[in-house]
Amino acid sequence: MVISDRLTEQAKKTYNVYKKHDCKRAYYLSMEFLMGRTLSNAMLNLGVNDAVSQAMYDLGLDLEELIDNEPDAGLGNGVWGV
């Protein structure tokens, strides 16, 4: 939830900046979009890897175990649905 909250705040900030500056945006849709697992990528993008790892360690938890247990989003190759 901590990572999700931080991502939400960043998304709000980005949205507000784009809205303020009336930025143009391009959207790309792909039939073969594979999202995969996101927790480790989110922590990396937020720059909180070390802090989260230390907090988990202090709680007696293993960050790698948590990351390994994240379910895959299951959004894979669009051809399989044909």
N, C-alpha and C. Protein backbone atom coordinates (compact mmCIF):
# COMPACT_ATOMS: atom_id res chain seq x y z
N MET A 1 0.82 -1.19 0.00
CA MET A 1 0.00 0.00 0.00
C MET A 1 0.87 1.26 0.00
N VAL A 2 2.01 1.19 0.67
CA VAL A 2 2.91 2.35 0.71
C VAL A 2 3.38 2.70 -0.69
N ILE A 3 3.79 1.70 -1.45
CA ILE A 3 4.26 1.93 -2.82
C ILE A 3 3.11 2.44 -3.68
N SER A 4 1.95 1.85 -3.53
CA SER A 4 0.77 2.27 -4.29
C SER A 4 0.42 3.73 -4.00
N ASP A 5 0.46 4.11 -2.72
CA ASP A 5 0.16 5.49 -2.35
C ASP A 5 1.15 6.47 -2.98
N ARG A 6 2.43 6.11 -2.96
CA ARG A 6 3.45 6.99 -3.56
C ARG A 6 3.25 7.10 -5.07
N LEU A 7 2.93 5.98 -5.71
CA LEU A 7 2.70 6.03 -7.16
C LEU A 7 1.49 6.90 -7.49
N THR A 8 0.46 6.79 -6.68
CA THR A 8 -0.75 7.59 -6.89
C THR A 8 -0.43 9.08 -6.76
N GLU A 9 0.35 9.44 -5.75
CA GLU A 9 0.73 10.84 -5.58
C GLU A 9 1.54 11.34 -6.76
N GLN A 10 2.47 10.54 -7.25
CA GLN A 10 3.27 10.93 -8.41
C GLN A 10 2.38 11.09 -9.65
N ALA A 11 1.43 10.18 -9.81
CA ALA A 11 0.53 10.26 -10.96
C ALA A 11 -0.31 11.53 -10.91
N LYS A 12 -0.77 11.91 -9.72
CA LYS A 12 -1.55 13.14 -9.55
C LYS A 12 -0.71 14.37 -9.91
N LYS A 13 0.53 14.38 -9.44
CA LYS A 13 1.42 15.51 -9.74
C LYS A 13 1.66 15.62 -11.25
N THR A 14 1.93 14.49 -11.88
CA THR A 14 2.15 14.48 -13.33
C THR A 14 0.92 14.97 -14.06
N TYR A 15 -0.25 14.47 -13.69
CA TYR A 15 -1.50 14.87 -14.32
C TYR A 15 -1.70 16.38 -14.20
N ASN A 16 -1.47 16.92 -13.00
CA ASN A 16 -1.68 18.36 -12.77
C ASN A 16 -0.70 19.21 -13.59
N VAL A 17 0.54 18.78 -13.71
CA VAL A 17 1.52 19.51 -14.52
C VAL A 17 1.10 19.48 -15.99
N TYR A 18 0.71 18.31 -16.47
CA TYR A 18 0.28 18.19 -17.87
C TYR A 18 -0.94 19.07 -18.13
N LYS A 19 -1.88 19.07 -17.18
CA LYS A 19 -3.09 19.86 -17.35
C LYS A 19 -2.77 21.36 -17.34
N LYS A 20 -1.89 21.77 -16.43
CA LYS A 20 -1.52 23.18 -16.31
C LYS A 20 -0.85 23.69 -17.58
N HIS A 21 0.00 22.87 -18.19
CA HIS A 21 0.74 23.28 -19.38
C HIS A 21 0.07 22.86 -20.68
N ASP A 22 -1.12 22.28 -20.58
CA ASP A 22 -1.88 21.83 -21.74
C ASP A 22 -1.01 20.99 -22.69
N CYS A 23 -0.30 20.03 -22.11
CA CYS A 23 0.61 19.17 -22.89
C CYS A 23 -0.18 18.25 -23.83
N LYS A 24 0.40 18.03 -24.98
CA LYS A 24 -0.16 17.04 -25.90
C LYS A 24 0.35 15.67 -25.45
N ARG A 25 -0.48 14.66 -25.65
CA ARG A 25 -0.11 13.31 -25.26
C ARG A 25 -0.41 12.36 -26.40
N ALA A 26 0.42 11.35 -26.51
CA ALA A 26 0.19 10.29 -27.49
C ALA A 26 -0.03 8.99 -26.74
N TYR A 27 -0.96 8.20 -27.22
CA TYR A 27 -1.27 6.92 -26.59
C TYR A 27 -0.97 5.81 -27.58
N TYR A 28 -0.35 4.78 -27.08
CA TYR A 28 -0.01 3.63 -27.91
C TYR A 28 -0.68 2.40 -27.32
N LEU A 29 -1.46 1.73 -28.12
CA LEU A 29 -2.11 0.50 -27.68
C LEU A 29 -1.50 -0.68 -28.44
N SER A 30 -1.17 -1.70 -27.72
CA SER A 30 -0.54 -2.86 -28.33
C SER A 30 -1.33 -4.12 -27.98
N MET A 31 -1.55 -4.95 -28.96
CA MET A 31 -2.21 -6.23 -28.72
C MET A 31 -1.30 -7.19 -27.95
N GLU A 32 -0.02 -6.92 -27.92
CA GLU A 32 0.92 -7.84 -27.29
C GLU A 32 1.59 -7.16 -26.10
N PHE A 33 0.81 -6.48 -25.31
CA PHE A 33 1.30 -5.78 -24.13
C PHE A 33 1.48 -6.77 -22.99
N LEU A 34 2.68 -6.86 -22.46
CA LEU A 34 2.95 -7.75 -21.35
C LEU A 34 3.43 -6.93 -20.17
N MET A 35 2.58 -6.74 -19.19
CA MET A 35 2.88 -5.89 -18.06
C MET A 35 3.80 -6.57 -17.06
N GLY A 36 3.55 -7.81 -16.74
CA GLY A 36 4.39 -8.53 -15.79
C GLY A 36 4.20 -8.03 -14.37
N ARG A 37 5.17 -8.30 -13.54
CA ARG A 37 5.12 -7.89 -12.14
C ARG A 37 5.60 -6.45 -12.01
N THR A 38 5.02 -5.71 -11.08
CA THR A 38 5.31 -4.27 -11.04
C THR A 38 5.94 -3.76 -9.76
N LEU A 39 5.89 -4.51 -8.67
CA LEU A 39 6.38 -3.99 -7.39
C LEU A 39 7.84 -3.57 -7.44
N SER A 40 8.71 -4.43 -7.94
CA SER A 40 10.14 -4.09 -7.96
C SER A 40 10.41 -2.92 -8.91
N ASN A 41 9.70 -2.86 -10.03
CA ASN A 41 9.87 -1.73 -10.96
C ASN A 41 9.38 -0.42 -10.32
N ALA A 42 8.27 -0.49 -9.61
CA ALA A 42 7.73 0.70 -8.95
C ALA A 42 8.70 1.22 -7.90
N MET A 43 9.26 0.30 -7.11
CA MET A 43 10.22 0.73 -6.07
C MET A 43 11.45 1.35 -6.70
N LEU A 44 11.91 0.77 -7.79
CA LEU A 44 13.08 1.32 -8.48
C LEU A 44 12.78 2.72 -9.02
N ASN A 45 11.64 2.88 -9.66
CA ASN A 45 11.26 4.18 -10.23
C ASN A 45 11.05 5.25 -9.16
N LEU A 46 10.58 4.85 -8.00
CA LEU A 46 10.37 5.80 -6.91
C LEU A 46 11.66 6.07 -6.13
N GLY A 47 12.67 5.26 -6.35
CA GLY A 47 13.94 5.43 -5.63
C GLY A 47 13.87 5.04 -4.17
N VAL A 48 13.04 4.04 -3.86
CA VAL A 48 12.85 3.64 -2.46
C VAL A 48 13.32 2.22 -2.17
N ASN A 49 14.10 1.62 -3.07
CA ASN A 49 14.55 0.24 -2.87
C ASN A 49 15.23 0.04 -1.53
N ASP A 50 16.21 0.87 -1.23
CA ASP A 50 16.98 0.70 0.00
C ASP A 50 16.11 0.90 1.25
N ALA A 51 15.27 1.92 1.22
CA ALA A 51 14.42 2.20 2.38
C ALA A 51 13.42 1.07 2.62
N VAL A 52 12.81 0.57 1.55
CA VAL A 52 11.84 -0.52 1.69
C VAL A 52 12.55 -1.79 2.15
N SER A 53 13.70 -2.07 1.57
CA SER A 53 14.46 -3.26 1.95
C SER A 53 14.83 -3.20 3.43
N GLN A 54 15.29 -2.04 3.91
CA GLN A 54 15.66 -1.89 5.32
C GLN A 54 14.44 -2.02 6.23
N ALA A 55 13.33 -1.41 5.83
CA ALA A 55 12.10 -1.49 6.64
C ALA A 55 11.62 -2.94 6.74
N MET A 56 11.66 -3.65 5.64
CA MET A 56 11.25 -5.06 5.65
C MET A 56 12.19 -5.88 6.55
N TYR A 57 13.48 -5.62 6.44
CA TYR A 57 14.47 -6.32 7.28
C TYR A 57 14.20 -6.04 8.76
N ASP A 58 13.93 -4.78 9.08
CA ASP A 58 13.66 -4.40 10.47
C ASP A 58 12.42 -5.11 11.02
N LEU A 59 11.48 -5.41 10.13
CA LEU A 59 10.26 -6.13 10.53
C LEU A 59 10.44 -7.64 10.51
N GLY A 60 11.63 -8.09 10.13
CA GLY A 60 11.91 -9.53 10.07
C GLY A 60 11.33 -10.18 8.83
N LEU A 61 11.11 -9.39 7.79
CA LEU A 61 10.53 -9.89 6.55
C LEU A 61 11.56 -9.85 5.43
N ASP A 62 11.35 -10.68 4.43
CA ASP A 62 12.28 -10.75 3.29
C ASP A 62 11.64 -10.11 2.07
N LEU A 63 12.24 -9.02 1.61
CA LEU A 63 11.72 -8.30 0.45
C LEU A 63 11.69 -9.19 -0.79
N GLU A 64 12.72 -9.97 -1.00
CA GLU A 64 12.78 -10.84 -2.18
C GLU A 64 11.63 -11.85 -2.17
N GLU A 65 11.28 -12.34 -0.99
CA GLU A 65 10.16 -13.28 -0.88
C GLU A 65 8.85 -12.60 -1.27
N LEU A 66 8.68 -11.36 -0.82
CA LEU A 66 7.48 -10.59 -1.18
C LEU A 66 7.42 -10.38 -2.68
N ILE A 67 8.53 -9.96 -3.27
CA ILE A 67 8.58 -9.72 -4.71
C ILE A 67 8.29 -10.99 -5.48
N ASP A 68 8.84 -12.11 -5.03
CA ASP A 68 8.62 -13.39 -5.71
C ASP A 68 7.17 -13.85 -5.62
N ASN A 69 6.44 -13.39 -4.61
CA ASN A 69 5.04 -13.81 -4.43
C ASN A 69 4.04 -12.91 -5.14
N GLU A 70 4.53 -11.83 -5.76
CA GLU A 70 3.61 -10.95 -6.49
C GLU A 70 3.04 -11.70 -7.69
N PRO A 71 1.73 -11.74 -7.83
CA PRO A 71 1.16 -12.43 -9.00
C PRO A 71 1.41 -11.65 -10.28
N ASP A 72 1.57 -12.37 -11.37
CA ASP A 72 1.73 -11.76 -12.67
C ASP A 72 0.38 -11.22 -13.11
N ALA A 73 0.38 -10.07 -13.76
CA ALA A 73 -0.87 -9.44 -14.18
C ALA A 73 -1.65 -10.28 -15.20
N GLY A 74 -0.97 -11.19 -15.86
CA GLY A 74 -1.65 -12.09 -16.79
C GLY A 74 -2.08 -11.42 -18.09
N LEU A 75 -1.49 -10.30 -18.40
CA LEU A 75 -1.82 -9.61 -19.65
C LEU A 75 -0.72 -9.95 -20.66
N GLY A 76 -0.94 -10.96 -21.42
CA GLY A 76 0.14 -11.42 -22.29
C GLY A 76 -0.15 -11.24 -23.75
N ASN A 77 0.47 -12.04 -24.51
CA ASN A 77 0.41 -12.02 -25.96
C ASN A 77 -1.03 -12.06 -26.45
N GLY A 78 -1.44 -11.02 -27.18
CA GLY A 78 -2.81 -10.91 -27.67
C GLY A 78 -3.23 -12.01 -28.61
N VAL A 79 -2.27 -12.68 -29.23
CA VAL A 79 -2.59 -13.73 -30.19
C VAL A 79 -3.26 -14.92 -29.50
N TRP A 80 -2.95 -15.16 -28.24
CA TRP A 80 -3.50 -16.31 -27.53
C TRP A 80 -5.02 -16.22 -27.40
N GLY A 81 -5.57 -15.02 -27.45
CA GLY A 81 -7.00 -14.88 -27.33
C GLY A 81 -7.75 -15.07 -28.64
N VAL A 82 -7.01 -15.23 -29.74
CA VAL A 82 -7.65 -15.36 -31.04
C VAL A 82 -8.22 -16.74 -31.23
